[in-house]
Amino acid sequence: MALLEARNVIKTYRKNDEAITVLDNINFSANEGDFIFIVGPRGQGKTTLINVLSGLDKPDSGLIIFENETLTDKDEEYLAKIRREKMGLIFQDVHLIPSFTAVENVESPLYPSEFSEKEIREKSLQLLEKLGLKYRVEHFPEELSDGERRAVAIARALINEPKIVFADEPTAGLDEEWEKKVIDLLRTYNSEKKATIIFITAKNTLVKKYSRSGDKIFEMKNGKLVSRSS
């Protein structure tokens, strides 16, 4: 049974007097534990697809279904609750809180929570240590490298143990060492938690390098989503 589905999803934007179709009748499904790559050139609708699938944006027509529940007719308060409790979002722009340290940024989604402050701190430190940031946890974002800031944002997205992670170009601009660290962390999370990962990238070379047997690979071009494998 699918964890997430898009059925006949269409999304258009207006530019001057012209209607531009960004998502053109998208049909897509993701099962629990899938690792999915969506690859395509920039400007082809990949980020818009992530926004629609996660409820950050609404389609003009079609349905988004998560855990057998239609999201397209829900209000923003309800959608925000679903994202907070069951989804992890990794954006191209890390959106870290400048006045928070690395560990405080990672902790922030868990407040308020049934967890104690000690439990929250331990969970956050464990994630940061996996990313090699053991000695950077008390540093502020401006004191971290681009790779370190991206790692903190990824740890923050995983701290609530989401069922599905939307990763929008999570390795963009990173060197090979940080690229591998990020993908290894997402692979480990996928394996240990049976969570679904949807990984957006513009780099075919990255997909060729890191995809494995059993992954699902889709190509997005001109608003259409086509399966390469299943």
Protein backbone atom coordinates (compact mmCIF):
# COMPACT_ATOMS: atom_id res chain seq x y z
CA MET A 1 0.00 0.00 0.00
CA ALA A 2 1.33 3.43 -0.95
CA LEU A 3 2.42 5.81 1.80
CA LEU A 4 2.13 8.81 -0.53
CA GLU A 5 0.31 9.26 -3.82
CA ALA A 6 -0.19 11.98 -6.38
CA ARG A 7 -3.13 11.44 -8.71
CA ASN A 8 -3.52 13.49 -11.89
CA VAL A 9 -1.84 16.51 -10.29
CA ILE A 10 -1.69 19.71 -12.31
CA LYS A 11 -0.07 22.96 -11.19
CA THR A 12 0.19 26.10 -13.29
CA TYR A 13 1.58 29.58 -12.73
CA ARG A 14 0.85 32.75 -14.62
CA LYS A 15 3.66 34.81 -16.10
CA ASN A 16 2.28 38.03 -17.54
CA ASP A 17 -0.66 36.76 -19.59
CA GLU A 18 0.75 33.30 -20.15
CA ALA A 19 -0.21 30.18 -18.16
CA ILE A 20 2.81 27.95 -17.57
CA THR A 21 2.16 24.33 -16.60
CA VAL A 22 4.78 23.33 -14.03
CA LEU A 23 3.27 19.96 -13.06
CA ASP A 24 1.57 18.28 -16.00
CA ASN A 25 -0.79 15.49 -14.92
CA ILE A 26 1.59 13.92 -12.40
CA ASN A 27 0.86 10.39 -11.19
CA PHE A 28 3.27 9.12 -8.57
CA SER A 29 3.39 6.79 -5.59
CA ALA A 30 5.91 6.08 -2.84
CA ASN A 31 5.79 3.09 -0.52
CA GLU A 32 7.13 2.79 3.01
CA GLY A 33 10.90 2.31 2.89
CA ASP A 34 11.38 3.46 -0.71
CA PHE A 35 14.50 5.40 -1.68
CA ILE A 36 13.47 7.54 -4.63
CA PHE A 37 15.58 9.78 -6.85
CA ILE A 38 13.87 12.45 -8.94
CA VAL A 39 16.37 13.88 -11.41
CA GLY A 40 16.09 16.62 -13.98
CA PRO A 41 17.51 19.98 -15.06
CA ARG A 42 16.83 23.04 -12.95
CA GLY A 43 13.57 24.84 -13.65
CA GLN A 44 11.63 21.69 -14.60
CA GLY A 45 9.24 21.63 -11.61
CA LYS A 46 11.07 19.39 -9.12
CA THR A 47 10.84 21.82 -6.20
CA THR A 48 7.20 22.59 -7.03
CA LEU A 49 6.51 18.85 -6.92
CA ILE A 50 8.09 18.58 -3.46
CA ASN A 51 6.05 21.54 -2.24
CA VAL A 52 2.80 20.02 -3.52
CA LEU A 53 3.55 16.52 -2.21
CA SER A 54 4.33 17.88 1.28
CA GLY A 55 1.31 20.18 1.44
CA LEU A 56 3.35 23.39 1.33
CA ASP A 57 1.49 24.26 -1.87
CA LYS A 58 -1.79 23.06 -3.36
CA PRO A 59 -2.30 21.72 -6.89
CA ASP A 60 -4.78 23.35 -9.23
CA SER A 61 -6.35 19.93 -9.71
CA GLY A 62 -5.71 16.34 -8.70
CA LEU A 63 -5.19 14.67 -5.34
CA ILE A 64 -2.35 14.23 -2.86
CA ILE A 65 -2.94 11.26 -0.55
CA PHE A 66 -0.78 10.52 2.49
CA GLU A 67 -1.44 7.48 4.70
CA ASN A 68 -4.79 6.97 2.90
CA GLU A 69 -5.86 10.52 3.76
CA THR A 70 -6.44 13.21 1.14
CA LEU A 71 -4.36 16.28 1.94
CA THR A 72 -5.54 18.59 -0.83
CA ASP A 73 -8.72 19.58 1.03
CA LYS A 74 -7.09 20.15 4.44
CA ASP A 75 -6.40 23.56 5.96
CA GLU A 76 -2.89 24.89 6.65
CA GLU A 77 -3.05 24.24 10.40
CA TYR A 78 -3.72 20.56 9.82
CA LEU A 79 -1.08 20.28 7.10
CA ALA A 80 1.51 21.95 9.33
CA LYS A 81 0.77 19.37 12.03
CA ILE A 82 1.27 16.51 9.55
CA ARG A 83 4.57 17.99 8.37
CA ARG A 84 5.75 18.55 11.93
CA GLU A 85 4.90 15.03 13.11
CA LYS A 86 5.42 12.81 10.07
CA MET A 87 7.49 14.60 7.43
CA GLY A 88 11.05 15.84 7.22
CA LEU A 89 11.90 18.63 4.78
CA ILE A 90 15.42 19.49 3.65
CA PHE A 91 15.48 22.70 1.62
CA GLN A 92 18.13 24.07 -0.72
CA ASP A 93 18.31 27.07 1.61
CA VAL A 94 19.07 25.71 5.07
CA HIS A 95 16.97 28.28 7.01
CA LEU A 96 18.94 27.85 10.25
CA ILE A 97 18.12 30.16 13.17
CA PRO A 98 21.16 32.49 13.42
CA SER A 99 20.90 32.98 17.20
CA PHE A 100 20.76 29.22 17.90
CA THR A 101 23.79 26.96 18.12
CA ALA A 102 24.02 23.89 15.90
CA VAL A 103 22.54 21.60 18.54
CA GLU A 104 19.78 24.11 19.40
CA ASN A 105 18.79 24.31 15.73
CA VAL A 106 18.52 20.52 15.58
CA GLU A 107 16.48 20.43 18.80
CA SER A 108 14.02 23.16 17.78
CA PRO A 109 11.36 20.96 16.06
CA LEU A 110 10.93 18.88 19.23
CA TYR A 111 9.65 21.76 21.37
CA PRO A 112 7.06 21.45 22.78
CA SER A 113 7.36 17.68 23.13
CA GLU A 114 6.72 14.72 25.40
CA PHE A 115 10.49 14.21 25.50
CA SER A 116 12.54 15.65 28.36
CA GLU A 117 15.20 18.29 27.69
CA LYS A 118 17.86 15.66 28.38
CA GLU A 119 16.35 13.21 25.86
CA ILE A 120 16.07 15.92 23.22
CA ARG A 121 19.68 16.97 23.72
CA GLU A 122 20.90 13.36 23.52
CA LYS A 123 18.97 12.68 20.29
CA SER A 124 20.33 15.86 18.74
CA LEU A 125 23.93 15.17 19.73
CA GLN A 126 23.74 11.63 18.34
CA LEU A 127 22.62 12.89 14.94
CA LEU A 128 25.27 15.58 14.80
CA GLU A 129 27.97 13.10 15.81
CA LYS A 130 26.96 10.79 12.95
CA LEU A 131 27.67 13.69 10.62
CA GLY A 132 31.09 14.35 12.11
CA LEU A 133 30.02 17.51 13.97
CA LYS A 134 30.80 16.34 17.50
CA TYR A 135 33.07 19.31 18.12
CA ARG A 136 30.88 21.90 16.38
CA VAL A 137 27.63 21.47 18.31
CA GLU A 138 27.97 24.75 20.24
CA HIS A 139 28.91 26.80 17.18
CA PHE A 140 26.50 29.26 15.59
CA PRO A 141 25.55 28.99 11.89
CA GLU A 142 27.86 31.84 10.87
CA GLU A 143 30.77 29.90 12.38
CA LEU A 144 30.08 26.77 10.30
CA SER A 145 31.08 25.88 6.76
CA ASP A 146 28.47 25.42 4.02
CA GLY A 147 28.71 21.65 4.43
CA GLU A 148 28.35 21.86 8.19
CA ARG A 149 25.30 24.11 7.92
CA ARG A 150 23.70 21.70 5.45
CA ALA A 151 24.41 18.82 7.83
CA VAL A 152 22.76 20.66 10.72
CA ALA A 153 19.68 21.28 8.56
CA ILE A 154 19.50 17.59 7.67
CA ALA A 155 19.83 16.54 11.31
CA ARG A 156 17.03 18.96 12.16
CA ALA A 157 14.82 17.38 9.48
CA LEU A 158 15.39 13.89 10.92
CA ILE A 159 15.12 14.68 14.64
CA ASN A 160 11.37 13.96 14.81
CA GLU A 161 11.89 10.59 13.09
CA PRO A 162 9.62 11.35 10.11
CA LYS A 163 8.00 8.63 8.03
CA ILE A 164 8.97 10.43 4.83
CA VAL A 165 11.83 12.81 4.03
CA PHE A 166 11.72 15.29 1.16
CA ALA A 167 15.29 16.25 0.28
CA ASP A 168 15.48 19.10 -2.23
CA GLU A 169 19.04 19.18 -3.65
CA PRO A 170 20.56 18.31 -0.23
CA THR A 171 24.07 17.94 -1.67
CA ALA A 172 24.07 20.98 -3.98
CA GLY A 173 27.32 22.91 -3.69
CA LEU A 174 28.98 20.38 -1.40
CA ASP A 175 32.34 18.75 -1.99
CA GLU A 176 32.61 15.00 -2.51
CA GLU A 177 33.31 14.27 1.16
CA TRP A 178 30.22 16.10 2.39
CA GLU A 179 28.12 14.74 -0.47
CA LYS A 180 28.92 11.20 0.65
CA LYS A 181 28.25 12.01 4.33
CA VAL A 182 24.82 13.39 3.51
CA ILE A 183 23.82 10.45 1.33
CA ASP A 184 25.19 7.92 3.83
CA LEU A 185 23.10 9.51 6.61
CA LEU A 186 19.94 9.39 4.49
CA ARG A 187 20.69 5.78 3.50
CA THR A 188 21.17 4.81 7.15
CA TYR A 189 17.96 6.54 8.18
CA ASN A 190 16.08 4.87 5.33
CA SER A 191 17.38 1.45 6.37
CA GLU A 192 17.04 1.75 10.16
CA LYS A 193 13.66 3.49 10.29
CA LYS A 194 12.11 2.04 7.11
CA ALA A 195 11.42 5.65 6.19
CA THR A 196 10.73 6.85 2.66
CA ILE A 197 13.30 9.19 1.11
CA ILE A 198 12.51 11.38 -1.89
CA PHE A 199 15.79 12.82 -3.12
CA ILE A 200 15.68 15.64 -5.69
CA THR A 201 18.78 16.36 -7.76
CA ALA A 202 19.81 18.00 -11.02
CA LYS A 203 22.87 15.74 -11.29
CA ASN A 204 22.59 12.54 -13.30
CA THR A 205 26.13 11.72 -12.22
CA LEU A 206 25.05 11.67 -8.57
CA VAL A 207 22.23 9.21 -9.31
CA LYS A 208 24.58 6.94 -11.26
CA LYS A 209 27.13 7.05 -8.46
CA TYR A 210 24.89 6.49 -5.46
CA SER A 211 21.78 4.64 -6.65
CA ARG A 212 21.36 1.01 -5.63
CA SER A 213 19.34 -1.95 -6.77
CA GLY A 214 15.78 -1.49 -5.58
CA ASP A 215 15.82 2.30 -5.74
CA LYS A 216 13.16 4.05 -7.77
CA ILE A 217 14.40 6.63 -10.25
CA PHE A 218 12.22 9.20 -11.99
CA GLU A 219 13.09 11.88 -14.50
CA MET A 220 11.31 15.21 -14.53
CA LYS A 221 11.24 17.33 -17.66
CA ASN A 222 8.81 19.97 -18.85
CA GLY A 223 6.51 19.26 -15.95
CA LYS A 224 6.17 15.55 -16.64
CA LEU A 225 7.43 12.75 -14.37
CA VAL A 226 8.64 9.55 -16.05
CA SER A 227 9.86 6.41 -14.30
CA ARG A 228 13.29 5.13 -15.25
CA SER A 229 13.08 2.08 -12.98
CA SER A 230 10.92 0.49 -10.32
